[in-house]
Structures are given as C-alpha cells and as structure tokens.
Amino acid sequence: MIQSSLYTEGRAEGRAEGEARGRLEAERELCTAFAAKHHPAVFERVRLQIETCEDLTRLKEWALAASDLDDSEFLKLLGA
C-alpha cells in the first residue's frame, strides 16, 4: 500500500496533537494534586480554573507555587 504525503503528514500532526494534549492533562493533574494538598481550604475555589486552563506554562507556575504560598497568595496568583 502506498501512503500519500497527506496521510503521513496528517498522522504526524495527529500524533503531535495527542502528545500535547497528554502533556497538558498531566500538568493539570499535577497542579490539581498540589493545590489540593497545600490549599485544601480554598481548593474548590480554584479547581475549575485549573481544570480548564489551556496554558502549560501557567499550570507549571501554579503547581510550583502551590507549596510556597499561603492560601491568600495562591488565590491571588490564580486570580480567584
């Protein structure tokens, strides 16, 4: 079977998109876990924001900051 370049390109694009989605979901899960662990009192106020964030860099920033900030600072960082 001969594969066209369009098929090959489409397949590569689909794979790259799937990998990007996987990285985003993994970062959301990590950020959610850190926020829940370090900020249980305010977690429900930020959960939806974390679950809907599409910015990988922002999610990493939030995850890393979760253990360093108090609840009010964490809420301020997330704009909640």
PDB file of N, CA and C in Angstrom:
ATOM      1  N   MET A   1       0.849  -1.177   0.000  1.00  0.00           N
ATOM      2  CA  MET A   1       0.000   0.000   0.000  1.00  0.00           C
ATOM      3  C   MET A   1       0.894   1.240   0.000  1.00  0.00           C
ATOM      4  N   ILE A   2       0.611   2.145  -0.889  1.00  0.00           N
ATOM      5  CA  ILE A   2       1.359   3.388  -0.977  1.00  0.00           C
ATOM      6  C   ILE A   2       0.666   4.434  -0.113  1.00  0.00           C
ATOM      7  N   GLN A   3       1.435   5.062   0.758  1.00  0.00           N
ATOM      8  CA  GLN A   3       0.865   6.091   1.627  1.00  0.00           C
ATOM      9  C   GLN A   3       1.193   7.458   1.055  1.00  0.00           C
ATOM     10  N   SER A   4       0.192   8.284   0.956  1.00  0.00           N
ATOM     11  CA  SER A   4       0.406   9.625   0.432  1.00  0.00           C
ATOM     12  C   SER A   4       1.077  10.503   1.477  1.00  0.00           C
ATOM     13  N   SER A   5       1.684  11.590   0.996  1.00  0.00           N
ATOM     14  CA  SER A   5       2.325  12.512   1.935  1.00  0.00           C
ATOM     15  C   SER A   5       1.282  13.181   2.821  1.00  0.00           C
ATOM     16  N   LEU A   6       0.062  13.389   2.308  1.00  0.00           N
ATOM     17  CA  LEU A   6      -1.002  13.977   3.125  1.00  0.00           C
ATOM     18  C   LEU A   6      -1.361  13.057   4.292  1.00  0.00           C
ATOM     19  N   TYR A   7      -1.427  11.776   4.012  1.00  0.00           N
ATOM     20  CA  TYR A   7      -1.728  10.801   5.061  1.00  0.00           C
ATOM     21  C   TYR A   7      -0.630  10.823   6.119  1.00  0.00           C
ATOM     22  N   THR A   8       0.619  10.806   5.668  1.00  0.00           N
ATOM     23  CA  THR A   8       1.750  10.803   6.587  1.00  0.00           C
ATOM     24  C   THR A   8       1.791  12.077   7.415  1.00  0.00           C
ATOM     25  N   GLU A   9       1.579  13.224   6.764  1.00  0.00           N
ATOM     26  CA  GLU A   9       1.564  14.495   7.483  1.00  0.00           C
ATOM     27  C   GLU A   9       0.416  14.556   8.479  1.00  0.00           C
ATOM     28  N   GLY A  10      -0.744  14.116   8.058  1.00  0.00           N
ATOM     29  CA  GLY A  10      -1.909  14.114   8.949  1.00  0.00           C
ATOM     30  C   GLY A  10      -1.699  13.233  10.154  1.00  0.00           C
ATOM     31  N   ARG A  11      -1.096  12.105   9.917  1.00  0.00           N
ATOM     32  CA  ARG A  11      -0.827  11.185  11.016  1.00  0.00           C
ATOM     33  C   ARG A  11       0.176  11.787  12.004  1.00  0.00           C
ATOM     34  N   ALA A  12       1.230  12.430  11.494  1.00  0.00           N
ATOM     35  CA  ALA A  12       2.233  13.066  12.359  1.00  0.00           C
ATOM     36  C   ALA A  12       1.620  14.217  13.144  1.00  0.00           C
ATOM     37  N   GLU A  13       0.768  15.004  12.482  1.00  0.00           N
ATOM     38  CA  GLU A  13       0.103  16.108  13.178  1.00  0.00           C
ATOM     39  C   GLU A  13      -0.816  15.586  14.267  1.00  0.00           C
ATOM     40  N   GLY A  14      -1.529  14.529  13.977  1.00  0.00           N
ATOM     41  CA  GLY A  14      -2.411  13.928  14.977  1.00  0.00           C
ATOM     42  C   GLY A  14      -1.641  13.402  16.173  1.00  0.00           C
ATOM     43  N   ARG A  15      -0.510  12.788  15.905  1.00  0.00           N
ATOM     44  CA  ARG A  15       0.322  12.268  16.988  1.00  0.00           C
ATOM     45  C   ARG A  15       0.858  13.412  17.848  1.00  0.00           C
ATOM     46  N   ALA A  16       1.337  14.479  17.200  1.00  0.00           N
ATOM     47  CA  ALA A  16       1.866  15.632  17.945  1.00  0.00           C
ATOM     48  C   ALA A  16       0.772  16.278  18.786  1.00  0.00           C
ATOM     49  N   GLU A  17      -0.420  16.387  18.214  1.00  0.00           N
ATOM     50  CA  GLU A  17      -1.542  16.968  18.958  1.00  0.00           C
ATOM     51  C   GLU A  17      -1.903  16.102  20.158  1.00  0.00           C
ATOM     52  N   GLY A  18      -1.890  14.803  19.968  1.00  0.00           N
ATOM     53  CA  GLY A  18      -2.180  13.894  21.072  1.00  0.00           C
ATOM     54  C   GLY A  18      -1.151  13.975  22.180  1.00  0.00           C
ATOM     55  N   GLU A  19       0.113  14.097  21.798  1.00  0.00           N
ATOM     56  CA  GLU A  19       1.172  14.231  22.793  1.00  0.00           C
ATOM     57  C   GLU A  19       1.025  15.543  23.568  1.00  0.00           C
ATOM     58  N   ALA A  20       0.696  16.623  22.865  1.00  0.00           N
ATOM     59  CA  ALA A  20       0.498  17.919  23.527  1.00  0.00           C
ATOM     60  C   ALA A  20      -0.673  17.846  24.501  1.00  0.00           C
ATOM     61  N   ARG A  21      -1.764  17.204  24.083  1.00  0.00           N
ATOM     62  CA  ARG A  21      -2.921  17.030  24.969  1.00  0.00           C
ATOM     63  C   ARG A  21      -2.537  16.236  26.201  1.00  0.00           C
ATOM     64  N   GLY A  22      -1.731  15.201  25.998  1.00  0.00           N
ATOM     65  CA  GLY A  22      -1.284  14.379  27.124  1.00  0.00           C
ATOM     66  C   GLY A  22      -0.448  15.170  28.112  1.00  0.00           C
ATOM     67  N   ARG A  23       0.457  16.003  27.598  1.00  0.00           N
ATOM     68  CA  ARG A  23       1.280  16.841  28.489  1.00  0.00           C
ATOM     69  C   ARG A  23       0.408  17.817  29.271  1.00  0.00           C
ATOM     70  N   LEU A  24      -0.574  18.408  28.580  1.00  0.00           N
ATOM     71  CA  LEU A  24      -1.468  19.353  29.237  1.00  0.00           C
ATOM     72  C   LEU A  24      -2.265  18.663  30.342  1.00  0.00           C
ATOM     73  N   GLU A  25      -2.797  17.496  30.056  1.00  0.00           N
ATOM     74  CA  GLU A  25      -3.565  16.764  31.065  1.00  0.00           C
ATOM     75  C   GLU A  25      -2.685  16.363  32.251  1.00  0.00           C
ATOM     76  N   ALA A  26      -1.464  15.954  31.985  1.00  0.00           N
ATOM     77  CA  ALA A  26      -0.552  15.571  33.065  1.00  0.00           C
ATOM     78  C   ALA A  26      -0.242  16.781  33.949  1.00  0.00           C
ATOM     79  N   GLU A  27      -0.023  17.929  33.335  1.00  0.00           N
ATOM     80  CA  GLU A  27       0.281  19.132  34.110  1.00  0.00           C
ATOM     81  C   GLU A  27      -0.940  19.569  34.915  1.00  0.00           C
ATOM     82  N   ARG A  28      -2.128  19.439  34.344  1.00  0.00           N
ATOM     83  CA  ARG A  28      -3.357  19.753  35.097  1.00  0.00           C
ATOM     84  C   ARG A  28      -3.486  18.852  36.311  1.00  0.00           C
ATOM     85  N   GLU A  29      -3.243  17.561  36.122  1.00  0.00           N
ATOM     86  CA  GLU A  29      -3.349  16.611  37.230  1.00  0.00           C
ATOM     87  C   GLU A  29      -2.351  16.946  38.339  1.00  0.00           C
ATOM     88  N   LEU A  30      -1.126  17.278  37.954  1.00  0.00           N
ATOM     89  CA  LEU A  30      -0.111  17.634  38.938  1.00  0.00           C
ATOM     90  C   LEU A  30      -0.491  18.906  39.681  1.00  0.00           C
ATOM     91  N   CYS A  31      -0.922  19.918  38.947  1.00  0.00           N
ATOM     92  CA  CYS A  31      -1.319  21.183  39.555  1.00  0.00           C
ATOM     93  C   CYS A  31      -2.507  20.969  40.494  1.00  0.00           C
ATOM     94  N   THR A  32      -3.464  20.176  40.065  1.00  0.00           N
ATOM     95  CA  THR A  32      -4.632  19.873  40.891  1.00  0.00           C
ATOM     96  C   THR A  32      -4.205  19.173  42.182  1.00  0.00           C
ATOM     97  N   ALA A  33      -3.309  18.205  42.062  1.00  0.00           N
ATOM     98  CA  ALA A  33      -2.855  17.469  43.247  1.00  0.00           C
ATOM     99  C   ALA A  33      -2.124  18.385  44.226  1.00  0.00           C
ATOM    100  N   PHE A  34      -1.234  19.246  43.702  1.00  0.00           N
ATOM    101  CA  PHE A  34      -0.504  20.162  44.581  1.00  0.00           C
ATOM    102  C   PHE A  34      -1.440  21.166  45.240  1.00  0.00           C
ATOM    103  N   ALA A  35      -2.378  21.698  44.471  1.00  0.00           N
ATOM    104  CA  ALA A  35      -3.318  22.670  45.031  1.00  0.00           C
ATOM    105  C   ALA A  35      -4.180  22.026  46.115  1.00  0.00           C
ATOM    106  N   ALA A  36      -4.651  20.820  45.862  1.00  0.00           N
ATOM    107  CA  ALA A  36      -5.480  20.123  46.849  1.00  0.00           C
ATOM    108  C   ALA A  36      -4.688  19.807  48.116  1.00  0.00           C
ATOM    109  N   LYS A  37      -3.425  19.416  47.943  1.00  0.00           N
ATOM    110  CA  LYS A  37      -2.600  19.061  49.100  1.00  0.00           C
ATOM    111  C   LYS A  37      -2.225  20.282  49.935  1.00  0.00           C
ATOM    112  N   HIS A  38      -1.796  21.347  49.283  1.00  0.00           N
ATOM    113  CA  HIS A  38      -1.275  22.507  50.004  1.00  0.00           C
ATOM    114  C   HIS A  38      -2.325  23.567  50.328  1.00  0.00           C
ATOM    115  N   HIS A  39      -3.479  23.497  49.678  1.00  0.00           N
ATOM    116  CA  HIS A  39      -4.520  24.516  49.882  1.00  0.00           C
ATOM    117  C   HIS A  39      -5.918  23.889  49.964  1.00  0.00           C
ATOM    118  N   PRO A  40      -6.096  22.926  50.849  1.00  0.00           N
ATOM    119  CA  PRO A  40      -7.400  22.253  50.916  1.00  0.00           C
ATOM    120  C   PRO A  40      -8.549  23.193  51.271  1.00  0.00           C
ATOM    121  N   ALA A  41      -8.278  24.232  52.038  1.00  0.00           N
ATOM    122  CA  ALA A  41      -9.344  25.146  52.468  1.00  0.00           C
ATOM    123  C   ALA A  41      -9.900  25.980  51.312  1.00  0.00           C
ATOM    124  N   VAL A  42      -9.091  26.211  50.296  1.00  0.00           N
ATOM    125  CA  VAL A  42      -9.542  27.058  49.172  1.00  0.00           C
ATOM    126  C   VAL A  42      -9.553  26.306  47.848  1.00  0.00           C
ATOM    127  N   PHE A  43      -9.283  25.011  47.891  1.00  0.00           N
ATOM    128  CA  PHE A  43      -9.150  24.241  46.656  1.00  0.00           C
ATOM    129  C   PHE A  43     -10.377  24.333  45.757  1.00  0.00           C
ATOM    130  N   GLU A  44     -11.559  24.232  46.329  1.00  0.00           N
ATOM    131  CA  GLU A  44     -12.775  24.270  45.498  1.00  0.00           C
ATOM    132  C   GLU A  44     -12.926  25.596  44.750  1.00  0.00           C
ATOM    133  N   ARG A  45     -12.329  26.645  45.268  1.00  0.00           N
ATOM    134  CA  ARG A  45     -12.403  27.958  44.617  1.00  0.00           C
ATOM    135  C   ARG A  45     -11.515  28.027  43.371  1.00  0.00           C
ATOM    136  N   VAL A  46     -10.514  27.162  43.279  1.00  0.00           N
ATOM    137  CA  VAL A  46      -9.594  27.206  42.140  1.00  0.00           C
ATOM    138  C   VAL A  46      -9.664  25.968  41.246  1.00  0.00           C
ATOM    139  N   ARG A  47     -10.379  24.965  41.665  1.00  0.00           N
ATOM    140  CA  ARG A  47     -10.418  23.706  40.912  1.00  0.00           C
ATOM    141  C   ARG A  47     -10.829  23.903  39.459  1.00  0.00           C
ATOM    142  N   LEU A  48     -11.919  24.589  39.207  1.00  0.00           N
ATOM    143  CA  LEU A  48     -12.402  24.766  37.840  1.00  0.00           C
ATOM    144  C   LEU A  48     -11.401  25.535  36.989  1.00  0.00           C
ATOM    145  N   GLN A  49     -10.761  26.519  37.579  1.00  0.00           N
ATOM    146  CA  GLN A  49      -9.772  27.303  36.845  1.00  0.00           C
ATOM    147  C   GLN A  49      -8.600  26.420  36.408  1.00  0.00           C
ATOM    148  N   ILE A  50      -8.157  25.546  37.277  1.00  0.00           N
ATOM    149  CA  ILE A  50      -7.067  24.631  36.943  1.00  0.00           C
ATOM    150  C   ILE A  50      -7.532  23.640  35.876  1.00  0.00           C
ATOM    151  N   GLU A  51      -8.711  23.069  36.057  1.00  0.00           N
ATOM    152  CA  GLU A  51      -9.216  22.051  35.142  1.00  0.00           C
ATOM    153  C   GLU A  51      -9.485  22.575  33.738  1.00  0.00           C
ATOM    154  N   THR A  52      -9.681  23.871  33.595  1.00  0.00           N
ATOM    155  CA  THR A  52      -9.980  24.434  32.277  1.00  0.00           C
ATOM    156  C   THR A  52      -8.814  25.219  31.672  1.00  0.00           C
ATOM    157  N   CYS A  53      -7.722  25.328  32.393  1.00  0.00           N
ATOM    158  CA  CYS A  53      -6.567  26.082  31.895  1.00  0.00           C
ATOM    159  C   CYS A  53      -5.939  25.344  30.711  1.00  0.00           C
ATOM    160  N   GLU A  54      -5.660  26.068  29.646  1.00  0.00           N
ATOM    161  CA  GLU A  54      -5.044  25.518  28.442  1.00  0.00           C
ATOM    162  C   GLU A  54      -3.585  25.935  28.299  1.00  0.00           C
ATOM    163  N   ASP A  55      -3.047  26.635  29.287  1.00  0.00           N
ATOM    164  CA  ASP A  55      -1.689  27.182  29.225  1.00  0.00           C
ATOM    165  C   ASP A  55      -0.743  26.320  30.060  1.00  0.00           C
ATOM    166  N   LEU A  56       0.090  25.554  29.383  1.00  0.00           N
ATOM    167  CA  LEU A  56       1.007  24.642  30.059  1.00  0.00           C
ATOM    168  C   LEU A  56       1.967  25.383  30.983  1.00  0.00           C
ATOM    169  N   THR A  57       2.458  26.511  30.548  1.00  0.00           N
ATOM    170  CA  THR A  57       3.390  27.302  31.358  1.00  0.00           C
ATOM    171  C   THR A  57       2.733  27.809  32.625  1.00  0.00           C
ATOM    172  N   ARG A  58       1.511  28.281  32.501  1.00  0.00           N
ATOM    173  CA  ARG A  58       0.778  28.776  33.675  1.00  0.00           C
ATOM    174  C   ARG A  58       0.523  27.648  34.666  1.00  0.00           C
ATOM    175  N   LEU A  59       0.116  26.483  34.170  1.00  0.00           N
ATOM    176  CA  LEU A  59      -0.134  25.343  35.056  1.00  0.00           C
ATOM    177  C   LEU A  59       1.130  24.959  35.821  1.00  0.00           C
ATOM    178  N   LYS A  60       2.272  24.963  35.142  1.00  0.00           N
ATOM    179  CA  LYS A  60       3.533  24.662  35.818  1.00  0.00           C
ATOM    180  C   LYS A  60       3.832  25.695  36.896  1.00  0.00           C
ATOM    181  N   GLU A  61       3.607  26.966  36.572  1.00  0.00           N
ATOM    182  CA  GLU A  61       3.836  28.041  37.540  1.00  0.00           C
ATOM    183  C   GLU A  61       2.964  27.836  38.775  1.00  0.00           C
ATOM    184  N   TRP A  62       1.702  27.550  38.565  1.00  0.00           N
ATOM    185  CA  TRP A  62       0.783  27.342  39.686  1.00  0.00           C
ATOM    186  C   TRP A  62       1.196  26.134  40.522  1.00  0.00           C
ATOM    187  N   ALA A  63       1.566  25.043  39.855  1.00  0.00           N
ATOM    188  CA  ALA A  63       1.957  23.831  40.582  1.00  0.00           C
ATOM    189  C   ALA A  63       3.182  24.088  41.450  1.00  0.00           C
ATOM    190  N   LEU A  64       4.166  24.768  40.884  1.00  0.00           N
ATOM    191  CA  LEU A  64       5.388  25.044  41.642  1.00  0.00           C
ATOM    192  C   LEU A  64       5.142  26.015  42.794  1.00  0.00           C
ATOM    193  N   ALA A  65       4.242  26.953  42.604  1.00  0.00           N
ATOM    194  CA  ALA A  65       3.961  27.957  43.637  1.00  0.00           C
ATOM    195  C   ALA A  65       3.094  27.403  44.764  1.00  0.00           C
ATOM    196  N   ALA A  66       2.358  26.354  44.506  1.00  0.00           N
ATOM    197  CA  ALA A  66       1.402  25.840  45.487  1.00  0.00           C
ATOM    198  C   ALA A  66       2.036  25.550  46.836  1.00  0.00           C
ATOM    199  N   SER A  67       3.242  25.034  46.844  1.00  0.00           N
ATOM    200  CA  SER A  67       3.863  24.685  48.128  1.00  0.00           C
ATOM    201  C   SER A  67       4.552  25.870  48.801  1.00  0.00           C
ATOM    202  N   ASP A  68       4.721  26.961  48.074  1.00  0.00           N
ATOM    203  CA  ASP A  68       5.442  28.111  48.619  1.00  0.00           C
ATOM    204  C   ASP A  68       4.542  29.235  49.131  1.00  0.00           C
ATOM    205  N   LEU A  69       3.296  29.256  48.707  1.00  0.00           N
ATOM    206  CA  LEU A  69       2.405  30.372  49.024  1.00  0.00           C
ATOM    207  C   LEU A  69       1.366  29.986  50.055  1.00  0.00           C
ATOM    208  N   ASP A  70       0.900  30.975  50.817  1.00  0.00           N
ATOM    209  CA  ASP A  70      -0.231  30.708  51.709  1.00  0.00           C
ATOM    210  C   ASP A  70      -1.510  30.789  50.867  1.00  0.00           C
ATOM    211  N   ASP A  71      -2.632  30.463  51.478  1.00  0.00           N
ATOM    212  CA  ASP A  71      -3.895  30.404  50.728  1.00  0.00           C
ATOM    213  C   ASP A  71      -4.211  31.710  50.005  1.00  0.00           C
ATOM    214  N   SER A  72      -4.084  32.835  50.692  1.00  0.00           N
ATOM    215  CA  SER A  72      -4.452  34.112  50.067  1.00  0.00           C
ATOM    216  C   SER A  72      -3.524  34.456  48.900  1.00  0.00           C
ATOM    217  N   GLU A  73      -2.238  34.168  49.047  1.00  0.00           N
ATOM    218  CA  GLU A  73      -1.295  34.426  47.956  1.00  0.00           C
ATOM    219  C   GLU A  73      -1.569  33.505  46.760  1.00  0.00           C
ATOM    220  N   PHE A  74      -1.912  32.255  47.055  1.00  0.00           N
ATOM    221  CA  PHE A  74      -2.224  31.310  45.986  1.00  0.00           C
ATOM    222  C   PHE A  74      -3.472  31.742  45.238  1.00  0.00           C
ATOM    223  N   LEU A  75      -4.499  32.150  45.969  1.00  0.00           N
ATOM    224  CA  LEU A  75      -5.713  32.646  45.317  1.00  0.00           C
ATOM    225  C   LEU A  75      -5.420  33.863  44.456  1.00  0.00           C
ATOM    226  N   LYS A  76      -4.593  34.740  44.951  1.00  0.00           N
ATOM    227  CA  LYS A  76      -4.236  35.950  44.190  1.00  0.00           C
ATOM    228  C   LYS A  76      -3.492  35.565  42.913  1.00  0.00           C
ATOM    229  N   LEU A  77      -2.552  34.619  42.994  1.00  0.00           N
ATOM    230  CA  LEU A  77      -1.814  34.183  41.829  1.00  0.00           C
ATOM    231  C   LEU A  77      -2.749  33.627  40.754  1.00  0.00           C
ATOM    232  N   LEU A  78      -3.762  32.884  41.180  1.00  0.00           N
ATOM    233  CA  LEU A  78      -4.705  32.309  40.235  1.00  0.00           C
ATOM    234  C   LEU A  78      -5.817  33.263  39.846  1.00  0.00           C
ATOM    235  N   GLY A  79      -5.820  34.435  40.458  1.00  0.00           N
ATOM    236  CA  GLY A  79      -6.852  35.428  40.139  1.00  0.00           C
ATOM    237  C   GLY A  79      -8.218  35.050  40.662  1.00  0.00           C
ATOM    238  N   ALA A  80      -8.233  34.273  41.722  1.00  0.00           N
ATOM    239  CA  ALA A  80      -9.513  33.825  42.292  1.00  0.00           C
ATOM    240  C   ALA A  80      -9.909  34.657  43.492  1.00  0.00           C
TER     241      ALA A  80
END
